[in-house]
C-alpha atoms as a PDB file:
ATOM      1  CA  UNK A   1     -20.573  -0.647  -2.129  1.00  0.00           C
ATOM      2  CA  UNK A   2     -18.806   2.548  -1.211  1.00  0.00           C
ATOM      3  CA  UNK A   3     -15.749   3.186   0.931  1.00  0.00           C
ATOM      4  CA  UNK A   4     -14.989   5.925   3.454  1.00  0.00           C
ATOM      5  CA  UNK A   5     -11.410   6.709   4.437  1.00  0.00           C
ATOM      6  CA  UNK A   6     -10.457   6.940   8.082  1.00  0.00           C
ATOM      7  CA  UNK A   7      -9.779  10.684   7.689  1.00  0.00           C
ATOM      8  CA  UNK A   8     -13.296  11.301   6.337  1.00  0.00           C
ATOM      9  CA  UNK A   9     -14.904   9.153   9.032  1.00  0.00           C
ATOM     10  CA  UNK A  10     -13.029  10.903  11.835  1.00  0.00           C
ATOM     11  CA  UNK A  11     -13.910  14.372  10.521  1.00  0.00           C
ATOM     12  CA  UNK A  12     -17.590  13.454  10.173  1.00  0.00           C
ATOM     13  CA  UNK A  13     -17.646  11.959  13.691  1.00  0.00           C
ATOM     14  CA  UNK A  14     -16.058  15.155  15.026  1.00  0.00           C
ATOM     15  CA  UNK A  15     -18.671  17.297  13.282  1.00  0.00           C
ATOM     16  CA  UNK A  16     -21.528  15.123  14.531  1.00  0.00           C
ATOM     17  CA  UNK A  17     -20.140  15.224  18.072  1.00  0.00           C
ATOM     18  CA  UNK A  18     -19.917  19.023  17.994  1.00  0.00           C
ATOM     19  CA  UNK A  19     -23.682  19.246  17.374  1.00  0.00           C
ATOM     20  CA  UNK A  20     -26.129  19.839  20.173  1.00  0.00           C
ATOM     21  CA  UNK A  21     -28.191  16.661  19.717  1.00  0.00           C
ATOM     22  CA  UNK A  22     -28.634  14.245  22.608  1.00  0.00           C
ATOM     23  CA  UNK A  23     -29.265  11.287  20.261  1.00  0.00           C
ATOM     24  CA  UNK A  24     -25.856  11.292  18.608  1.00  0.00           C
ATOM     25  CA  UNK A  25     -25.755   7.487  18.514  1.00  0.00           C
ATOM     26  CA  UNK A  26     -28.455   7.438  15.804  1.00  0.00           C
ATOM     27  CA  UNK A  27     -26.791  10.129  13.707  1.00  0.00           C
ATOM     28  CA  UNK A  28     -24.661   9.456  10.692  1.00  0.00           C
ATOM     29  CA  UNK A  29     -23.651  10.868   7.337  1.00  0.00           C
ATOM     30  CA  UNK A  30     -26.193  10.768   4.515  1.00  0.00           C
ATOM     31  CA  UNK A  31     -24.641  10.569   1.034  1.00  0.00           C
ATOM     32  CA  UNK A  32     -27.053  11.432  -1.742  1.00  0.00           C
ATOM     33  CA  UNK A  33     -26.988  12.165  -5.463  1.00  0.00           C
ATOM     34  CA  UNK A  34     -29.417  14.855  -6.607  1.00  0.00           C
ATOM     35  CA  UNK A  35     -30.172  16.448  -9.945  1.00  0.00           C
ATOM     36  CA  UNK A  36     -28.474  19.770 -10.586  1.00  0.00           C
ATOM     37  CA  UNK A  37     -25.189  21.438 -11.263  1.00  0.00           C
ATOM     38  CA  UNK A  38     -23.797  22.154 -14.695  1.00  0.00           C
ATOM     39  CA  UNK A  39     -23.135  18.456 -15.472  1.00  0.00           C
ATOM     40  CA  UNK A  40     -26.509  17.038 -14.430  1.00  0.00           C
ATOM     41  CA  UNK A  41     -25.922  15.495 -10.985  1.00  0.00           C
ATOM     42  CA  UNK A  42     -24.361  16.704  -7.785  1.00  0.00           C
ATOM     43  CA  UNK A  43     -23.495  15.237  -4.404  1.00  0.00           C
ATOM     44  CA  UNK A  44     -25.372  16.104  -1.237  1.00  0.00           C
ATOM     45  CA  UNK A  45     -23.831  15.303   2.155  1.00  0.00           C
ATOM     46  CA  UNK A  46     -25.729  15.926   5.374  1.00  0.00           C
ATOM     47  CA  UNK A  47     -25.885  14.644   8.930  1.00  0.00           C
ATOM     48  CA  UNK A  48     -29.025  12.950  10.165  1.00  0.00           C
ATOM     49  CA  UNK A  49     -30.723   9.661  10.942  1.00  0.00           C
ATOM     50  CA  UNK A  50     -31.406   6.729   8.643  1.00  0.00           C
ATOM     51  CA  UNK A  51     -34.659   6.739   6.698  1.00  0.00           C
ATOM     52  CA  UNK A  52     -36.793   3.644   6.029  1.00  0.00           C
ATOM     53  CA  UNK A  53     -35.291   2.493   2.734  1.00  0.00           C
ATOM     54  CA  UNK A  54     -31.684   3.596   3.336  1.00  0.00           C
ATOM     55  CA  UNK A  55     -28.809   1.187   3.094  1.00  0.00           C
ATOM     56  CA  UNK A  56     -26.719   1.561   6.237  1.00  0.00           C
ATOM     57  CA  UNK A  57     -22.945   1.088   6.238  1.00  0.00           C
ATOM     58  CA  UNK A  58     -20.359   1.630   8.948  1.00  0.00           C
ATOM     59  CA  UNK A  59     -16.789   2.755   8.371  1.00  0.00           C
ATOM     60  CA  UNK A  60     -14.306   3.449  11.167  1.00  0.00           C
ATOM     61  CA  UNK A  61     -17.177   4.043  13.615  1.00  0.00           C
ATOM     62  CA  UNK A  62     -19.188   6.305  11.254  1.00  0.00           C
ATOM     63  CA  UNK A  63     -22.673   5.297  10.112  1.00  0.00           C
ATOM     64  CA  UNK A  64     -23.299   6.142   6.442  1.00  0.00           C
ATOM     65  CA  UNK A  65     -26.804   6.222   4.969  1.00  0.00           C
ATOM     66  CA  UNK A  66     -27.489   5.947   1.226  1.00  0.00           C
ATOM     67  CA  UNK A  67     -30.904   5.799  -0.421  1.00  0.00           C
ATOM     68  CA  UNK A  68     -31.462   3.079  -3.071  1.00  0.00           C
ATOM     69  CA  UNK A  69     -31.433   5.495  -6.048  1.00  0.00           C
ATOM     70  CA  UNK A  70     -28.213   7.188  -4.971  1.00  0.00           C
ATOM     71  CA  UNK A  71     -26.505   3.845  -4.354  1.00  0.00           C
ATOM     72  CA  UNK A  72     -26.672   3.168  -8.108  1.00  0.00           C
ATOM     73  CA  UNK A  73     -24.627   6.312  -8.814  1.00  0.00           C
ATOM     74  CA  UNK A  74     -22.283   5.961  -5.834  1.00  0.00           C
ATOM     75  CA  UNK A  75     -21.293   2.306  -6.288  1.00  0.00           C
ATOM     76  CA  UNK A  76     -17.513   2.005  -5.992  1.00  0.00           C
ATOM     77  CA  UNK A  77     -17.081   5.595  -4.789  1.00  0.00           C
ATOM     78  CA  UNK A  78     -14.624   6.667  -2.103  1.00  0.00           C
ATOM     79  CA  UNK A  79     -15.313   9.496   0.349  1.00  0.00           C
ATOM     80  CA  UNK A  80     -12.149  11.164   1.641  1.00  0.00           C
ATOM     81  CA  UNK A  81     -11.362  14.268   3.673  1.00  0.00           C
ATOM     82  CA  UNK A  82      -8.429  16.565   2.998  1.00  0.00           C
ATOM     83  CA  UNK A  83      -7.314  19.284   5.395  1.00  0.00           C
ATOM     84  CA  UNK A  84      -4.522  20.870   3.406  1.00  0.00           C
ATOM     85  CA  UNK A  85      -3.380  24.432   2.959  1.00  0.00           C
ATOM     86  CA  UNK A  86      -4.658  24.747  -0.623  1.00  0.00           C
ATOM     87  CA  UNK A  87      -7.669  22.463  -0.401  1.00  0.00           C
ATOM     88  CA  UNK A  88      -9.864  21.416   2.505  1.00  0.00           C
ATOM     89  CA  UNK A  89     -13.085  19.421   2.691  1.00  0.00           C
ATOM     90  CA  UNK A  90     -14.784  16.177   1.784  1.00  0.00           C
ATOM     91  CA  UNK A  91     -14.061  14.746  -1.652  1.00  0.00           C
ATOM     92  CA  UNK A  92     -15.880  11.965  -3.477  1.00  0.00           C
ATOM     93  CA  UNK A  93     -13.988   9.941  -6.065  1.00  0.00           C
ATOM     94  CA  UNK A  94     -16.627   8.290  -8.226  1.00  0.00           C
ATOM     95  CA  UNK A  95     -15.621   5.719 -10.879  1.00  0.00           C
ATOM     96  CA  UNK A  96     -19.091   6.042 -12.474  1.00  0.00           C
ATOM     97  CA  UNK A  97     -18.655   9.743 -13.315  1.00  0.00           C
ATOM     98  CA  UNK A  98     -17.951  10.088 -17.022  1.00  0.00           C
ATOM     99  CA  UNK A  99     -17.588  13.879 -16.946  1.00  0.00           C
ATOM    100  CA  UNK A 100     -17.254  16.477 -14.228  1.00  0.00           C
ATOM    101  CA  UNK A 101     -17.685  20.225 -14.386  1.00  0.00           C
ATOM    102  CA  UNK A 102     -14.765  22.630 -14.073  1.00  0.00           C
ATOM    103  CA  UNK A 103     -15.500  23.436 -10.435  1.00  0.00           C
ATOM    104  CA  UNK A 104     -15.775  19.737  -9.500  1.00  0.00           C
ATOM    105  CA  UNK A 105     -19.183  20.144  -7.882  1.00  0.00           C
ATOM    106  CA  UNK A 106     -21.233  18.148 -10.394  1.00  0.00           C
ATOM    107  CA  UNK A 107     -20.886  15.124 -12.674  1.00  0.00           C
ATOM    108  CA  UNK A 108     -22.597  13.125 -15.397  1.00  0.00           C
ATOM    109  CA  UNK A 109     -22.840   9.390 -15.987  1.00  0.00           C
END
């Protein structure tokens, strides 16, 4: 199971709402782990609809879609959003990550 903070959910809902799609009710945030980066894996966040095998969660009104493979790597993770002066954007805190790269964009397990 993952968790999404209220700040992250509200930002994602705002971004989805600013799109030009008429079917916004079916849209959500897809969280995915893909191969790449300097540590082996990296996160991929995108807006879209659920796919057939996705696990669907809802946090603070935001639908979150995670494929079965990615759910193994994301278990226990927290998605947050920070809008500070020095740092702004979505951040994933993953207890399964053993190492991360210097830029914080990739991880290994």
